[in-house]
C-alpha atoms as a PDB file:
ATOM      1  CA  MET A   1     -50.940  21.115   8.927  1.00  0.00           C
ATOM      2  CA  THR A   2     -53.449  22.393  11.488  1.00  0.00           C
ATOM      3  CA  GLN A   3     -57.147  22.790  10.836  1.00  0.00           C
ATOM      4  CA  THR A   4     -58.632  26.049  12.094  1.00  0.00           C
ATOM      5  CA  TYR A   5     -61.911  26.256  13.971  1.00  0.00           C
ATOM      6  CA  LEU A   6     -64.518  28.954  14.518  1.00  0.00           C
ATOM      7  CA  THR A   7     -66.826  29.184  17.519  1.00  0.00           C
ATOM      8  CA  LEU A   8     -70.455  29.601  16.498  1.00  0.00           C
ATOM      9  CA  ASN A   9     -72.987  31.753  18.348  1.00  0.00           C
ATOM     10  CA  ASP A  10     -74.298  28.630  20.121  1.00  0.00           C
ATOM     11  CA  GLY A  11     -70.838  27.698  21.435  1.00  0.00           C
ATOM     12  CA  HIS A  12     -70.099  24.814  19.055  1.00  0.00           C
ATOM     13  CA  ARG A  13     -66.719  24.791  17.308  1.00  0.00           C
ATOM     14  CA  ILE A  14     -66.851  24.196  13.568  1.00  0.00           C
ATOM     15  CA  PRO A  15     -63.855  23.142  11.444  1.00  0.00           C
ATOM     16  CA  GLN A  16     -63.360  26.103   9.127  1.00  0.00           C
ATOM     17  CA  PHE A  17     -62.271  24.013   6.140  1.00  0.00           C
ATOM     18  CA  GLY A  18     -64.183  21.073   4.720  1.00  0.00           C
ATOM     19  CA  LEU A  19     -65.259  19.134   1.660  1.00  0.00           C
ATOM     20  CA  GLY A  20     -68.449  19.949  -0.211  1.00  0.00           C
ATOM     21  CA  VAL A  21     -70.119  17.081  -2.064  1.00  0.00           C
ATOM     22  CA  TYR A  22     -72.502  19.053  -4.281  1.00  0.00           C
ATOM     23  CA  GLN A  23     -72.575  17.512  -7.782  1.00  0.00           C
ATOM     24  CA  ILE A  24     -70.665  14.395  -6.746  1.00  0.00           C
ATOM     25  CA  ASP A  25     -72.870  11.886  -8.500  1.00  0.00           C
ATOM     26  CA  GLY A  26     -74.053   8.942  -6.449  1.00  0.00           C
ATOM     27  CA  ASP A  27     -73.254   7.397  -3.105  1.00  0.00           C
ATOM     28  CA  ALA A  28     -70.279   5.299  -4.255  1.00  0.00           C
ATOM     29  CA  ALA A  29     -68.326   8.253  -5.678  1.00  0.00           C
ATOM     30  CA  THR A  30     -69.275  10.353  -2.665  1.00  0.00           C
ATOM     31  CA  GLU A  31     -68.123   7.705  -0.216  1.00  0.00           C
ATOM     32  CA  GLN A  32     -64.792   7.464  -2.041  1.00  0.00           C
ATOM     33  CA  ALA A  33     -64.233  11.240  -2.014  1.00  0.00           C
ATOM     34  CA  VAL A  34     -65.219  11.642   1.637  1.00  0.00           C
ATOM     35  CA  ALA A  35     -63.055   8.691   2.700  1.00  0.00           C
ATOM     36  CA  ALA A  36     -60.053  10.216   0.918  1.00  0.00           C
ATOM     37  CA  ALA A  37     -60.705  13.610   2.514  1.00  0.00           C
ATOM     38  CA  LEU A  38     -60.964  12.158   6.006  1.00  0.00           C
ATOM     39  CA  LYS A  39     -57.656  10.323   5.538  1.00  0.00           C
ATOM     40  CA  LEU A  40     -56.009  13.635   4.604  1.00  0.00           C
ATOM     41  CA  GLY A  41     -57.257  15.304   7.778  1.00  0.00           C
ATOM     42  CA  TYR A  42     -60.507  16.910   6.649  1.00  0.00           C
ATOM     43  CA  ARG A  43     -63.032  16.896   9.488  1.00  0.00           C
ATOM     44  CA  HIS A  44     -65.974  18.774   7.947  1.00  0.00           C
ATOM     45  CA  ILE A  45     -68.324  17.442   5.255  1.00  0.00           C
ATOM     46  CA  ASP A  46     -71.105  19.526   3.681  1.00  0.00           C
ATOM     47  CA  THR A  47     -73.983  17.680   1.994  1.00  0.00           C
ATOM     48  CA  ALA A  48     -77.753  18.101   1.500  1.00  0.00           C
ATOM     49  CA  HIS A  49     -80.877  16.049   0.864  1.00  0.00           C
ATOM     50  CA  ALA A  50     -81.015  17.670  -2.571  1.00  0.00           C
ATOM     51  CA  TYR A  51     -77.538  16.359  -3.429  1.00  0.00           C
ATOM     52  CA  GLN A  52     -78.855  12.790  -3.181  1.00  0.00           C
ATOM     53  CA  ASN A  53     -75.603  11.460  -1.731  1.00  0.00           C
ATOM     54  CA  GLU A  54     -76.056  11.575   2.057  1.00  0.00           C
ATOM     55  CA  ARG A  55     -75.781   7.769   2.326  1.00  0.00           C
ATOM     56  CA  GLY A  56     -72.333   7.923   0.737  1.00  0.00           C
ATOM     57  CA  VAL A  57     -71.246  10.528   3.267  1.00  0.00           C
ATOM     58  CA  GLY A  58     -72.575   8.463   6.153  1.00  0.00           C
ATOM     59  CA  ALA A  59     -70.886   5.290   4.927  1.00  0.00           C
ATOM     60  CA  ALA A  60     -67.500   7.005   4.660  1.00  0.00           C
ATOM     61  CA  VAL A  61     -67.814   8.464   8.154  1.00  0.00           C
ATOM     62  CA  LYS A  62     -68.847   5.096   9.581  1.00  0.00           C
ATOM     63  CA  LYS A  63     -65.915   3.278   7.953  1.00  0.00           C
ATOM     64  CA  SER A  64     -63.312   5.957   8.726  1.00  0.00           C
ATOM     65  CA  GLY A  65     -62.390   4.638  12.152  1.00  0.00           C
ATOM     66  CA  LEU A  66     -62.770   8.166  13.535  1.00  0.00           C
ATOM     67  CA  ASN A  67     -64.986   8.974  16.481  1.00  0.00           C
ATOM     68  CA  ARG A  68     -68.228  10.595  15.380  1.00  0.00           C
ATOM     69  CA  ASP A  69     -67.514  13.703  17.467  1.00  0.00           C
ATOM     70  CA  GLU A  70     -64.325  14.325  15.473  1.00  0.00           C
ATOM     71  CA  ILE A  71     -66.307  14.913  12.251  1.00  0.00           C
ATOM     72  CA  TRP A  72     -68.614  17.829  11.512  1.00  0.00           C
ATOM     73  CA  LEU A  73     -71.580  16.867   9.328  1.00  0.00           C
ATOM     74  CA  THR A  74     -73.712  19.545   7.659  1.00  0.00           C
ATOM     75  CA  SER A  75     -76.848  18.794   5.676  1.00  0.00           C
ATOM     76  CA  LYS A  76     -79.740  20.833   4.328  1.00  0.00           C
ATOM     77  CA  LEU A  77     -83.504  20.451   4.197  1.00  0.00           C
ATOM     78  CA  TRP A  78     -85.225  20.962   0.842  1.00  0.00           C
ATOM     79  CA  PRO A  79     -88.450  23.063   0.782  1.00  0.00           C
ATOM     80  CA  SER A  80     -90.533  19.926   0.140  1.00  0.00           C
ATOM     81  CA  ASP A  81     -89.585  18.973   3.723  1.00  0.00           C
ATOM     82  CA  TYR A  82     -90.509  22.312   5.297  1.00  0.00           C
ATOM     83  CA  GLY A  83     -93.250  22.560   7.911  1.00  0.00           C
ATOM     84  CA  LEU A  84     -93.959  21.943  11.597  1.00  0.00           C
ATOM     85  CA  GLU A  85     -95.227  18.449  10.813  1.00  0.00           C
ATOM     86  CA  LYS A  86     -93.073  17.586   7.778  1.00  0.00           C
ATOM     87  CA  THR A  87     -89.687  18.705   9.073  1.00  0.00           C
ATOM     88  CA  PRO A  88     -89.409  16.368  12.105  1.00  0.00           C
ATOM     89  CA  VAL A  89     -90.116  13.396   9.811  1.00  0.00           C
ATOM     90  CA  ALA A  90     -87.564  14.678   7.302  1.00  0.00           C
ATOM     91  CA  ILE A  91     -84.901  15.055   9.995  1.00  0.00           C
ATOM     92  CA  ASP A  92     -85.418  11.469  11.148  1.00  0.00           C
ATOM     93  CA  LYS A  93     -85.055  10.259   7.559  1.00  0.00           C
ATOM     94  CA  MET A  94     -81.901  12.339   7.189  1.00  0.00           C
ATOM     95  CA  LEU A  95     -80.418  10.773  10.324  1.00  0.00           C
ATOM     96  CA  THR A  96     -81.139   7.354   8.819  1.00  0.00           C
ATOM     97  CA  ARG A  97     -79.548   8.243   5.462  1.00  0.00           C
ATOM     98  CA  LEU A  98     -76.453   9.642   7.190  1.00  0.00           C
ATOM     99  CA  ASP A  99     -76.448   6.687   9.631  1.00  0.00           C
ATOM    100  CA  THR A 100     -75.809   8.965  12.581  1.00  0.00           C
ATOM    101  CA  ASP A 101     -77.464   9.917  15.868  1.00  0.00           C
ATOM    102  CA  TYR A 102     -77.176  13.664  15.318  1.00  0.00           C
ATOM    103  CA  ILE A 103     -76.424  16.286  12.673  1.00  0.00           C
ATOM    104  CA  ASP A 104     -73.864  18.939  13.567  1.00  0.00           C
ATOM    105  CA  LEU A 105     -75.411  21.646  11.387  1.00  0.00           C
ATOM    106  CA  LEU A 106     -78.766  21.641   9.617  1.00  0.00           C
ATOM    107  CA  LEU A 107     -79.666  24.379   7.143  1.00  0.00           C
ATOM    108  CA  LEU A 108     -82.778  25.480   5.312  1.00  0.00           C
ATOM    109  CA  HIS A 109     -81.601  25.144   1.711  1.00  0.00           C
ATOM    110  CA  GLN A 110     -83.873  27.682  -0.039  1.00  0.00           C
ATOM    111  CA  GLN A 111     -86.027  30.612   1.043  1.00  0.00           C
ATOM    112  CA  PHE A 112     -89.438  29.411  -0.133  1.00  0.00           C
ATOM    113  CA  GLY A 113     -92.074  27.037   1.181  1.00  0.00           C
ATOM    114  CA  ASP A 114     -93.036  26.897   4.871  1.00  0.00           C
ATOM    115  CA  TYR A 115     -89.631  28.033   6.067  1.00  0.00           C
ATOM    116  CA  VAL A 116     -91.059  29.461   9.301  1.00  0.00           C
ATOM    117  CA  GLY A 117     -92.577  26.126  10.313  1.00  0.00           C
ATOM    118  CA  ALA A 118     -89.355  24.378   9.290  1.00  0.00           C
ATOM    119  CA  TRP A 119     -87.248  26.721  11.428  1.00  0.00           C
ATOM    120  CA  GLN A 120     -89.465  26.160  14.448  1.00  0.00           C
ATOM    121  CA  ALA A 121     -89.214  22.388  13.919  1.00  0.00           C
ATOM    122  CA  MET A 122     -85.418  22.638  13.676  1.00  0.00           C
ATOM    123  CA  GLU A 123     -85.355  24.487  16.988  1.00  0.00           C
ATOM    124  CA  GLN A 124     -87.264  21.570  18.512  1.00  0.00           C
ATOM    125  CA  ALA A 125     -84.740  19.158  16.963  1.00  0.00           C
ATOM    126  CA  VAL A 126     -81.933  21.058  18.700  1.00  0.00           C
ATOM    127  CA  LYS A 127     -83.734  20.712  22.031  1.00  0.00           C
ATOM    128  CA  ALA A 128     -84.231  16.987  21.328  1.00  0.00           C
ATOM    129  CA  GLY A 129     -80.495  16.492  20.641  1.00  0.00           C
ATOM    130  CA  LYS A 130     -80.983  15.415  17.026  1.00  0.00           C
ATOM    131  CA  VAL A 131     -79.308  18.562  15.672  1.00  0.00           C
ATOM    132  CA  ARG A 132     -76.524  20.625  17.251  1.00  0.00           C
ATOM    133  CA  SER A 133     -76.585  23.878  15.257  1.00  0.00           C
ATOM    134  CA  ILE A 134     -79.037  25.380  12.762  1.00  0.00           C
ATOM    135  CA  GLY A 135     -78.687  27.941  10.008  1.00  0.00           C
ATOM    136  CA  LEU A 136     -79.731  29.188   6.594  1.00  0.00           C
ATOM    137  CA  SER A 137     -78.650  28.921   2.987  1.00  0.00           C
ATOM    138  CA  ASN A 138     -79.561  31.405   0.263  1.00  0.00           C
ATOM    139  CA  PHE A 139     -81.777  33.617   2.446  1.00  0.00           C
ATOM    140  CA  ASP A 140     -81.914  37.390   2.177  1.00  0.00           C
ATOM    141  CA  GLY A 141     -84.289  40.355   2.311  1.00  0.00           C
ATOM    142  CA  ASP A 142     -87.724  40.052   3.923  1.00  0.00           C
ATOM    143  CA  ARG A 143     -87.522  36.282   4.348  1.00  0.00           C
ATOM    144  CA  LEU A 144     -84.269  36.526   6.258  1.00  0.00           C
ATOM    145  CA  ASP A 145     -85.825  39.278   8.375  1.00  0.00           C
ATOM    146  CA  LYS A 146     -88.773  36.991   9.129  1.00  0.00           C
ATOM    147  CA  ILE A 147     -86.507  34.215  10.425  1.00  0.00           C
ATOM    148  CA  LEU A 148     -84.437  36.646  12.493  1.00  0.00           C
ATOM    149  CA  THR A 149     -87.669  37.957  14.028  1.00  0.00           C
ATOM    150  CA  ILE A 150     -89.297  34.645  14.930  1.00  0.00           C
ATOM    151  CA  ALA A 151     -86.161  32.645  15.802  1.00  0.00           C
ATOM    152  CA  THR A 152     -85.548  31.803  19.439  1.00  0.00           C
ATOM    153  CA  ILE A 153     -82.302  30.180  18.273  1.00  0.00           C
ATOM    154  CA  LYS A 154     -80.602  32.636  15.918  1.00  0.00           C
ATOM    155  CA  PRO A 155     -78.941  31.244  12.764  1.00  0.00           C
ATOM    156  CA  ALA A 156     -75.455  29.931  13.510  1.00  0.00           C
ATOM    157  CA  VAL A 157     -74.366  30.221   9.871  1.00  0.00           C
ATOM    158  CA  MET A 158     -75.457  31.681   6.555  1.00  0.00           C
ATOM    159  CA  GLN A 159     -74.313  29.764   3.469  1.00  0.00           C
ATOM    160  CA  VAL A 160     -74.246  31.846   0.273  1.00  0.00           C
ATOM    161  CA  GLU A 161     -72.212  32.597  -2.835  1.00  0.00           C
ATOM    162  CA  LEU A 162     -69.098  34.331  -1.505  1.00  0.00           C
ATOM    163  CA  HIS A 163     -65.684  34.885  -3.117  1.00  0.00           C
ATOM    164  CA  PRO A 164     -63.247  37.767  -3.733  1.00  0.00           C
ATOM    165  CA  TYR A 165     -65.422  39.153  -6.544  1.00  0.00           C
ATOM    166  CA  PHE A 166     -68.604  39.029  -4.388  1.00  0.00           C
ATOM    167  CA  GLN A 167     -67.809  39.373  -0.704  1.00  0.00           C
ATOM    168  CA  GLN A 168     -71.325  39.810   0.721  1.00  0.00           C
ATOM    169  CA  ARG A 169     -70.370  42.770   2.909  1.00  0.00           C
ATOM    170  CA  PRO A 170     -73.947  44.093   3.437  1.00  0.00           C
ATOM    171  CA  LEU A 171     -75.173  40.628   4.427  1.00  0.00           C
ATOM    172  CA  LYS A 172     -72.212  40.144   6.765  1.00  0.00           C
ATOM    173  CA  ALA A 173     -72.943  43.488   8.426  1.00  0.00           C
ATOM    174  CA  LYS A 174     -76.634  42.623   8.811  1.00  0.00           C
ATOM    175  CA  LEU A 175     -75.854  39.296  10.475  1.00  0.00           C
ATOM    176  CA  ALA A 176     -72.933  40.474  12.613  1.00  0.00           C
ATOM    177  CA  PRO A 177     -75.139  41.442  15.622  1.00  0.00           C
ATOM    178  CA  TYR A 178     -76.378  37.847  15.770  1.00  0.00           C
ATOM    179  CA  GLY A 179     -72.893  36.314  15.654  1.00  0.00           C
ATOM    180  CA  THR A 180     -73.854  34.404  12.489  1.00  0.00           C
ATOM    181  CA  LYS A 181     -70.825  33.039  10.607  1.00  0.00           C
ATOM    182  CA  MET A 182     -70.577  33.109   6.823  1.00  0.00           C
ATOM    183  CA  GLU A 183     -70.140  29.966   4.754  1.00  0.00           C
ATOM    184  CA  SER A 184     -69.153  30.126   1.091  1.00  0.00           C
ATOM    185  CA  TRP A 185     -70.351  28.137  -1.848  1.00  0.00           C
ATOM    186  CA  TYR A 186     -68.482  29.015  -5.045  1.00  0.00           C
ATOM    187  CA  PRO A 187     -65.439  29.946  -2.892  1.00  0.00           C
ATOM    188  CA  LEU A 188     -63.342  29.896  -6.082  1.00  0.00           C
ATOM    189  CA  GLY A 189     -65.903  31.753  -8.187  1.00  0.00           C
ATOM    190  CA  HIS A 190     -67.250  28.657  -9.911  1.00  0.00           C
ATOM    191  CA  GLY A 191     -63.726  27.932 -11.179  1.00  0.00           C
ATOM    192  CA  ASP A 192     -63.618  31.164 -13.197  1.00  0.00           C
ATOM    193  CA  ALA A 193     -60.138  31.442 -14.712  1.00  0.00           C
ATOM    194  CA  GLY A 194     -60.482  35.229 -14.671  1.00  0.00           C
ATOM    195  CA  LEU A 195     -60.777  35.237 -10.898  1.00  0.00           C
ATOM    196  CA  ILE A 196     -58.224  32.506 -10.252  1.00  0.00           C
ATOM    197  CA  ASN A 197     -55.650  34.230 -12.463  1.00  0.00           C
ATOM    198  CA  GLU A 198     -56.044  37.684 -10.946  1.00  0.00           C
ATOM    199  CA  PRO A 199     -52.508  39.176 -10.724  1.00  0.00           C
ATOM    200  CA  ILE A 200     -52.693  39.544  -6.935  1.00  0.00           C
ATOM    201  CA  PHE A 201     -53.086  35.774  -6.502  1.00  0.00           C
ATOM    202  CA  THR A 202     -50.222  35.082  -8.909  1.00  0.00           C
ATOM    203  CA  GLU A 203     -48.003  37.553  -7.066  1.00  0.00           C
ATOM    204  CA  LEU A 204     -48.773  36.146  -3.626  1.00  0.00           C
ATOM    205  CA  GLY A 205     -48.549  32.564  -4.894  1.00  0.00           C
ATOM    206  CA  ARG A 206     -44.970  33.225  -6.009  1.00  0.00           C
ATOM    207  CA  LYS A 207     -44.120  34.857  -2.690  1.00  0.00           C
ATOM    208  CA  TYR A 208     -45.436  31.999  -0.549  1.00  0.00           C
ATOM    209  CA  GLY A 209     -44.767  29.058  -2.867  1.00  0.00           C
ATOM    210  CA  LYS A 210     -48.482  28.378  -3.208  1.00  0.00           C
ATOM    211  CA  SER A 211     -50.968  28.113  -6.066  1.00  0.00           C
ATOM    212  CA  ASN A 212     -53.400  30.922  -6.852  1.00  0.00           C
ATOM    213  CA  VAL A 213     -56.229  28.725  -5.542  1.00  0.00           C
ATOM    214  CA  GLN A 214     -54.423  28.143  -2.255  1.00  0.00           C
ATOM    215  CA  VAL A 215     -53.921  31.888  -1.816  1.00  0.00           C
ATOM    216  CA  MET A 216     -57.636  32.483  -2.438  1.00  0.00           C
ATOM    217  CA  LEU A 217     -58.625  29.797   0.060  1.00  0.00           C
ATOM    218  CA  ARG A 218     -56.246  31.329   2.603  1.00  0.00           C
ATOM    219  CA  TRP A 219     -57.936  34.702   2.079  1.00  0.00           C
ATOM    220  CA  HIS A 220     -61.284  33.077   2.879  1.00  0.00           C
ATOM    221  CA  LEU A 221     -59.966  31.559   6.109  1.00  0.00           C
ATOM    222  CA  GLN A 222     -58.404  34.796   7.305  1.00  0.00           C
ATOM    223  CA  SER A 223     -61.635  36.633   6.420  1.00  0.00           C
ATOM    224  CA  GLY A 224     -63.463  34.375   8.884  1.00  0.00           C
ATOM    225  CA  THR A 225     -65.367  32.457   6.206  1.00  0.00           C
ATOM    226  CA  ILE A 226     -66.085  28.720   6.372  1.00  0.00           C
ATOM    227  CA  VAL A 227     -65.220  26.990   3.079  1.00  0.00           C
ATOM    228  CA  PHE A 228     -65.647  23.503   1.597  1.00  0.00           C
ATOM    229  CA  PRO A 229     -64.443  23.419  -2.015  1.00  0.00           C
ATOM    230  CA  LYS A 230     -65.778  20.409  -3.886  1.00  0.00           C
ATOM    231  CA  THR A 231     -63.387  18.077  -5.684  1.00  0.00           C
ATOM    232  CA  THR A 232     -63.002  14.386  -6.393  1.00  0.00           C
ATOM    233  CA  ASN A 233     -59.454  14.873  -7.719  1.00  0.00           C
ATOM    234  CA  PRO A 234     -56.970  13.458  -5.166  1.00  0.00           C
ATOM    235  CA  ASP A 235     -54.326  16.058  -6.038  1.00  0.00           C
ATOM    236  CA  HIS A 236     -56.768  18.934  -5.667  1.00  0.00           C
ATOM    237  CA  LEU A 237     -58.118  17.429  -2.442  1.00  0.00           C
ATOM    238  CA  ARG A 238     -54.601  17.432  -0.997  1.00  0.00           C
ATOM    239  CA  ALA A 239     -53.622  20.845  -2.362  1.00  0.00           C
ATOM    240  CA  ASN A 240     -56.817  22.579  -1.214  1.00  0.00           C
ATOM    241  CA  PHE A 241     -56.159  21.477   2.353  1.00  0.00           C
ATOM    242  CA  ASP A 242     -52.525  22.607   2.292  1.00  0.00           C
ATOM    243  CA  VAL A 243     -53.305  26.180   3.357  1.00  0.00           C
ATOM    244  CA  PHE A 244     -52.486  26.215   7.058  1.00  0.00           C
ATOM    245  CA  ASP A 245     -48.719  26.793   6.878  1.00  0.00           C
ATOM    246  CA  PHE A 246     -48.702  30.411   5.697  1.00  0.00           C
ATOM    247  CA  SER A 247     -50.534  33.667   6.422  1.00  0.00           C
ATOM    248  CA  LEU A 248     -51.328  36.729   4.356  1.00  0.00           C
ATOM    249  CA  THR A 249     -50.458  40.123   5.819  1.00  0.00           C
ATOM    250  CA  PRO A 250     -53.189  42.714   6.484  1.00  0.00           C
ATOM    251  CA  ALA A 251     -51.920  44.697   3.478  1.00  0.00           C
ATOM    252  CA  GLU A 252     -52.137  41.608   1.242  1.00  0.00           C
ATOM    253  CA  MET A 253     -55.656  40.857   2.487  1.00  0.00           C
ATOM    254  CA  ALA A 254     -56.623  44.438   1.651  1.00  0.00           C
ATOM    255  CA  LYS A 255     -55.320  44.056  -1.908  1.00  0.00           C
ATOM    256  CA  ILE A 256     -57.641  41.082  -2.386  1.00  0.00           C
ATOM    257  CA  ASP A 257     -60.548  42.880  -0.704  1.00  0.00           C
ATOM    258  CA  VAL A 258     -60.561  45.564  -3.418  1.00  0.00           C
ATOM    259  CA  LEU A 259     -61.694  42.945  -5.968  1.00  0.00           C
ATOM    260  CA  ASP A 260     -65.155  43.062  -4.357  1.00  0.00           C
ATOM    261  CA  GLY A 261     -68.029  44.088  -6.612  1.00  0.00           C
ATOM    262  CA  THR A 262     -66.560  42.682  -9.811  1.00  0.00           C
ATOM    263  CA  LYS A 263     -69.188  40.021 -10.425  1.00  0.00           C
ATOM    264  CA  ARG A 264     -71.348  37.267  -9.034  1.00  0.00           C
ATOM    265  CA  TYR A 265     -72.029  34.000 -10.850  1.00  0.00           C
ATOM    266  CA  TYR A 266     -75.487  32.882  -9.739  1.00  0.00           C
ATOM    267  CA  HIS A 267     -78.264  35.089 -11.100  1.00  0.00           C
ATOM    268  CA  VAL A 268     -81.485  33.199 -10.370  1.00  0.00           C
ATOM    269  CA  SER A 269     -84.127  35.362  -8.687  1.00  0.00           C
ATOM    270  CA  LEU A 270     -86.356  34.121  -5.867  1.00  0.00           C
ATOM    271  CA  ALA A 271     -89.313  33.908  -8.262  1.00  0.00           C
ATOM    272  CA  GLN A 272     -87.243  31.954 -10.784  1.00  0.00           C
ATOM    273  CA  ALA A 273     -85.914  29.606  -8.084  1.00  0.00           C
ATOM    274  CA  GLU A 274     -89.395  28.907  -6.781  1.00  0.00           C
ATOM    275  CA  GLN A 275     -90.688  28.237 -10.290  1.00  0.00           C
ATOM    276  CA  GLN A 276     -87.679  26.065 -11.165  1.00  0.00           C
ATOM    277  CA  PHE A 277     -87.386  24.082  -7.933  1.00  0.00           C
ATOM    278  CA  GLY A 278     -90.678  24.513  -6.113  1.00  0.00           C
ATOM    279  CA  ALA A 279     -92.333  21.299  -7.275  1.00  0.00           C
ATOM    280  CA  TRP A 280     -89.228  19.107  -7.024  1.00  0.00           C
ATOM    281  CA  VAL A 281     -89.152  16.486  -4.264  1.00  0.00           C
ATOM    282  CA  PRO A 282     -85.789  14.767  -3.669  1.00  0.00           C
ATOM    283  CA  ALA A 283     -85.943  11.005  -3.250  1.00  0.00           C
ATOM    284  CA  ASP A 284     -85.463   9.561   0.228  1.00  0.00           C
END
């Protein structure tokens, strides 16, 4: 079983497959899940201040016995921490919660608040060695254009909803000139049985002796997407990672590609997101 890596536009190599800890409740459960993943060979963990479980991630990494440079840690700043003055303080607090000297990848989590000031502060954090790579989550339209215009360090990744039903082709094309890699949340379509049980996945699963989910995750990897499906189930944790011993043919990839445009699962507008989340301040 061999993890695959992608080289980002800043030269850093990111493990293409990881564990996401969104909606893992509390530091103890998070530490347990991350520890199990690291034992299986996972080397990429995706968390966020908003998930309220960074301490659990940091504890698992610290106790793993692995060298820090073997593990890729991603976290995300919430809009309440955006701003030229606020963001440096927030990054220092994040380093404390994660119990680490640096963050491999730091993202802006949402496209509202003082995201310009936050981006400029993240660039300074890169220069200071506190952060290695920086990127965006859930940005599009004019606000993405604004970052691309003012950035002296272009986004290394863009993390968005991305799966066979919603492949983000226009966004990929827009970001391609910058070398920005795509990261997927909802890589399995929010667990939609309709997507998972698409006949093409069943057919290819039989051919390769894999589950439908494993075929879908393989499609992501061969599409150049970075994925980190969340699970606390030990069997799923093991099975999700067992996708490096087979490859889909170009014709098989194309059969999956035609599913694009079927549906997306997250339908909250920017105005709704700002109204829903704008006043929320995650605890430190």
